[in-house]
Amino acid sequence: MRTTEYAPGRLVDVYGDPGGLAVLLWHGMQADARTVLRPLAGLLAGYGVTVVAPDWNSHAADGGRADLLGSVDFTREHADDIVLVGWSMGGLAAAGLTVDAARLEVPLAHTVCLAGAFMAPDPISGRILADELTRGRVGAPFTLLHGLADDVVPVTASRGFAARLKGIGWPTELVELAADHGSIAGADYDPVADRYSAATGGLPLRVAGDVAARIAATFGR
């Protein structure tokens, strides 16, 4: 793994060699939290793909849009195909980019949302994403993974979004896991500091292993 900049002052961890398929991995609302996803990123890199895990700031004036799109541009310079994976607010952003990918001219092979916060305004468009879905406008397939024990973003958020996607004919799979909001991304939550950090063992790493395998299955590994 090497750390570099995808834009001035904006850091990104890159795993593996450039070329071929890349997994672009977006963290959640916690600003500049790429290190939280290092366990999951490392597991994904073990499947022989490039993994790009950038910092981004959902608290910026634009909701993080410039950071997110900048990381896409960086990834496109290092890969032929992109599987986009986002967690929580990052999952919502991943879905937003996927829905608007044709207009933004971003080629995506597959999108995986981990505990996507689909009830909030999308950082890419600034709007409620479900309102942007229209029949006949279909892009990269979705896989939605959500923990049944998630008490931050309820599993009903993914159930509702999956139903809307399927209702317009968008290829979508929803998988509900024995996980909570942090463990689905290989993260631990510190209630005192009110922050997530990379898990070092136990259930979160076991769940992350399962999640990584499900993501890898979307690109045939």
Protein backbone atom coordinates (compact mmCIF):
# COMPACT_ATOMS: atom_id res chain seq x y z
CA MET A 1 0.00 0.00 0.00
CA ARG A 2 1.21 3.49 -0.80
CA THR A 3 -0.28 6.84 0.18
CA THR A 4 -0.29 9.68 -2.32
CA GLU A 5 -2.48 12.65 -3.32
CA TYR A 6 -5.39 12.45 -5.74
CA ALA A 7 -5.70 16.25 -5.62
CA PRO A 8 -3.66 18.93 -3.81
CA GLY A 9 -3.81 18.16 -0.08
CA ARG A 10 -6.21 15.22 -0.55
CA LEU A 11 -4.77 11.83 0.42
CA VAL A 12 -5.50 8.40 -1.01
CA ASP A 13 -4.28 4.89 -0.18
CA VAL A 14 -3.55 2.75 -3.25
CA TYR A 15 -3.16 -1.01 -3.02
CA GLY A 16 -1.76 -3.13 -5.85
CA ASP A 17 -0.45 -2.20 -9.27
CA PRO A 18 -2.26 0.13 -11.70
CA GLY A 19 -4.14 -1.33 -14.63
CA GLY A 20 -7.06 -3.67 -15.13
CA LEU A 21 -9.80 -3.51 -12.53
CA ALA A 22 -9.85 -1.11 -9.59
CA VAL A 23 -12.13 -1.02 -6.56
CA LEU A 24 -12.80 2.57 -5.53
CA LEU A 25 -13.67 2.53 -1.83
CA TRP A 26 -15.45 5.48 -0.20
CA HIS A 27 -15.71 5.83 3.59
CA GLY A 28 -18.67 7.35 5.41
CA MET A 29 -19.62 10.74 6.85
CA GLN A 30 -16.62 10.94 9.21
CA ALA A 31 -14.29 13.35 7.41
CA ASP A 32 -10.99 12.13 5.92
CA ALA A 33 -11.42 8.62 7.32
CA ARG A 34 -9.78 6.46 4.64
CA THR A 35 -7.76 4.65 7.33
CA VAL A 36 -10.96 3.26 8.86
CA LEU A 37 -11.39 1.10 5.76
CA ARG A 38 -7.85 -0.28 5.66
CA PRO A 39 -8.84 -3.79 6.85
CA LEU A 40 -11.49 -4.07 4.13
CA ALA A 41 -9.20 -2.50 1.52
CA GLY A 42 -6.45 -4.98 2.34
CA LEU A 43 -8.84 -7.91 2.06
CA LEU A 44 -10.05 -6.69 -1.33
CA ALA A 45 -6.49 -6.20 -2.56
CA GLY A 46 -5.92 -9.87 -1.73
CA TYR A 47 -8.18 -10.71 -4.68
CA GLY A 48 -5.58 -9.30 -7.07
CA VAL A 49 -7.16 -5.96 -7.90
CA THR A 50 -6.10 -2.37 -7.39
CA VAL A 51 -7.90 -0.75 -4.46
CA VAL A 52 -8.17 3.03 -4.21
CA ALA A 53 -9.32 4.40 -0.82
CA PRO A 54 -9.44 8.22 -0.70
CA ASP A 55 -10.18 10.72 2.02
CA TRP A 56 -13.23 12.88 1.39
CA ASN A 57 -15.07 15.46 3.45
CA SER A 58 -18.85 15.26 3.66
CA HIS A 59 -18.82 18.44 5.78
CA ALA A 60 -17.38 20.58 2.98
CA ALA A 61 -19.57 23.29 1.49
CA ASP A 62 -20.34 21.08 -1.51
CA GLY A 63 -21.07 18.02 0.62
CA GLY A 64 -17.87 16.35 -0.56
CA ARG A 65 -18.79 16.29 -4.26
CA ALA A 66 -15.47 17.69 -5.51
CA ASP A 67 -13.49 15.22 -3.40
CA LEU A 68 -15.56 12.28 -4.58
CA LEU A 69 -15.38 13.19 -8.27
CA GLY A 70 -11.68 13.96 -7.94
CA SER A 71 -11.08 10.47 -6.60
CA VAL A 72 -12.99 9.05 -9.58
CA ASP A 73 -10.77 10.97 -12.00
CA PHE A 74 -7.68 9.69 -10.18
CA THR A 75 -8.92 6.10 -10.31
CA ARG A 76 -9.71 6.31 -14.03
CA GLU A 77 -6.06 7.22 -14.63
CA HIS A 78 -5.00 3.96 -12.94
CA ALA A 79 -7.59 1.41 -14.11
CA ASP A 80 -9.58 0.20 -17.09
CA ASP A 81 -12.72 -0.74 -15.12
CA ILE A 82 -14.09 0.46 -11.79
CA VAL A 83 -16.13 -1.32 -9.15
CA LEU A 84 -17.43 1.41 -6.84
CA VAL A 85 -17.92 0.55 -3.16
CA GLY A 86 -19.20 2.97 -0.53
CA TRP A 87 -20.09 2.71 3.14
CA SER A 88 -22.92 4.63 4.83
CA MET A 89 -22.84 8.19 3.42
CA GLY A 90 -20.20 6.92 1.02
CA GLY A 91 -22.65 4.22 -0.03
CA LEU A 92 -25.25 6.87 -0.75
CA ALA A 93 -22.67 8.82 -2.77
CA ALA A 94 -21.74 5.66 -4.68
CA ALA A 95 -25.39 5.13 -5.57
CA GLY A 96 -25.72 8.77 -6.58
CA LEU A 97 -22.76 8.53 -8.93
CA THR A 98 -24.13 5.32 -10.41
CA VAL A 99 -27.55 6.82 -11.09
CA ASP A 100 -25.90 9.85 -12.75
CA ALA A 101 -22.97 7.98 -14.35
CA ALA A 102 -24.13 8.41 -17.95
CA ARG A 103 -24.42 12.19 -17.66
CA LEU A 104 -21.11 12.43 -15.80
CA GLU A 105 -19.49 10.05 -18.33
CA VAL A 106 -18.17 7.73 -15.62
CA PRO A 107 -17.94 4.06 -16.67
CA LEU A 108 -18.74 1.68 -13.82
CA ALA A 109 -18.73 -2.11 -13.86
CA HIS A 110 -20.67 -2.61 -10.60
CA THR A 111 -21.65 -0.65 -7.49
CA VAL A 112 -21.73 -2.06 -3.95
CA CYS A 113 -23.35 -0.06 -1.14
CA LEU A 114 -22.59 -1.01 2.47
CA ALA A 115 -25.30 0.27 4.81
CA GLY A 116 -26.17 3.03 2.35
CA ALA A 117 -27.78 6.09 3.96
CA PHE A 118 -30.42 6.36 1.24
CA MET A 119 -32.75 8.54 3.31
CA ALA A 120 -30.34 11.53 3.14
CA PRO A 121 -29.56 13.93 0.26
CA ASP A 122 -27.02 12.42 -2.12
CA PRO A 123 -23.59 14.18 -1.98
CA ILE A 124 -23.28 13.97 -5.77
CA SER A 125 -26.59 15.58 -6.75
CA GLY A 126 -27.64 17.21 -3.48
CA ARG A 127 -31.07 15.60 -3.82
CA ILE A 128 -32.94 12.59 -2.42
CA LEU A 129 -31.75 9.82 -4.67
CA ALA A 130 -35.00 7.86 -4.87
CA ASP A 131 -36.57 10.91 -6.54
CA GLU A 132 -33.99 10.68 -9.35
CA LEU A 133 -34.93 7.15 -10.42
CA THR A 134 -36.89 6.85 -13.64
CA ARG A 135 -37.89 3.83 -15.70
CA GLY A 136 -35.60 3.17 -18.64
CA ARG A 137 -32.64 4.88 -17.01
CA VAL A 138 -30.53 1.92 -15.94
CA GLY A 139 -26.78 1.63 -15.42
CA ALA A 140 -24.25 -0.54 -13.57
CA PRO A 141 -25.74 -3.31 -11.41
CA PHE A 142 -26.17 -2.70 -7.69
CA THR A 143 -25.35 -4.96 -4.76
CA LEU A 144 -26.69 -3.61 -1.47
CA LEU A 145 -25.25 -5.12 1.73
CA HIS A 146 -26.80 -4.14 5.05
CA GLY A 147 -26.44 -5.34 8.64
CA LEU A 148 -29.55 -6.52 10.45
CA ALA A 149 -28.16 -5.08 13.71
CA ASP A 150 -27.45 -1.63 12.21
CA ASP A 151 -28.78 1.00 14.64
CA VAL A 152 -27.39 3.98 12.69
CA VAL A 153 -28.86 3.38 9.24
CA PRO A 154 -31.75 0.91 9.53
CA VAL A 155 -31.90 -2.00 7.12
CA THR A 156 -35.20 -0.63 5.89
CA ALA A 157 -33.23 2.07 4.05
CA SER A 158 -31.65 -0.54 1.78
CA ARG A 159 -34.87 -2.51 1.50
CA GLY A 160 -36.74 0.55 0.31
CA PHE A 161 -34.02 1.61 -2.14
CA ALA A 162 -33.72 -1.93 -3.52
CA ALA A 163 -37.47 -2.00 -4.10
CA ARG A 164 -37.34 1.32 -5.98
CA LEU A 165 -34.44 0.12 -8.14
CA LYS A 166 -36.11 -3.19 -8.94
CA GLY A 167 -39.33 -1.34 -9.69
CA ILE A 168 -37.70 0.45 -12.63
CA GLY A 169 -35.85 -2.64 -13.83
CA TRP A 170 -32.41 -1.82 -12.45
CA PRO A 171 -30.35 -4.99 -11.78
CA THR A 172 -30.18 -5.10 -7.98
CA GLU A 173 -29.32 -7.60 -5.27
CA LEU A 174 -29.96 -6.98 -1.56
CA VAL A 175 -28.13 -9.09 1.02
CA GLU A 176 -28.83 -8.72 4.74
CA LEU A 177 -25.97 -9.76 7.03
CA ALA A 178 -25.44 -10.45 10.72
CA ALA A 179 -23.59 -7.17 11.21
CA ASP A 180 -23.95 -3.68 12.64
CA HIS A 181 -23.10 -0.31 11.09
CA GLY A 182 -19.36 -0.50 11.74
CA SER A 183 -18.62 -4.20 11.35
CA ILE A 184 -20.04 -4.32 7.82
CA ALA A 185 -17.06 -2.14 6.83
CA GLY A 186 -14.50 -3.77 9.13
CA ALA A 187 -14.69 -0.89 11.61
CA ASP A 188 -15.02 -0.45 15.37
CA TYR A 189 -17.03 2.37 16.96
CA ASP A 190 -15.74 4.31 19.98
CA PRO A 191 -18.81 5.84 21.70
CA VAL A 192 -16.67 8.10 23.91
CA ALA A 193 -14.81 9.69 21.00
CA ASP A 194 -17.86 9.25 18.71
CA ARG A 195 -15.58 7.99 15.96
CA TYR A 196 -14.99 4.86 13.91
CA SER A 197 -11.57 3.28 13.56
CA ALA A 198 -10.12 0.28 11.73
CA ALA A 199 -10.95 -2.93 13.56
CA THR A 200 -8.04 -5.03 14.80
CA GLY A 201 -9.83 -8.32 15.39
CA GLY A 202 -13.02 -10.10 16.35
CA LEU A 203 -16.40 -9.91 14.64
CA PRO A 204 -15.72 -6.82 12.47
CA LEU A 205 -12.83 -8.52 10.70
CA ARG A 206 -14.83 -11.70 10.20
CA VAL A 207 -17.70 -9.71 8.73
CA ALA A 208 -15.26 -7.73 6.57
CA GLY A 209 -13.92 -10.99 5.18
CA ASP A 210 -17.43 -12.02 4.15
CA VAL A 211 -18.11 -8.57 2.68
CA ALA A 212 -14.84 -8.62 0.71
CA ALA A 213 -15.73 -12.02 -0.73
CA ARG A 214 -19.17 -10.76 -1.79
CA ILE A 215 -17.60 -7.70 -3.43
CA ALA A 216 -15.04 -9.90 -5.20
CA ALA A 217 -17.87 -12.05 -6.54
CA THR A 218 -19.16 -9.00 -8.45
CA PHE A 219 -15.97 -9.03 -10.53
CA GLY A 220 -15.64 -12.79 -10.82
CA ARG A 221 -13.00 -13.54 -8.18
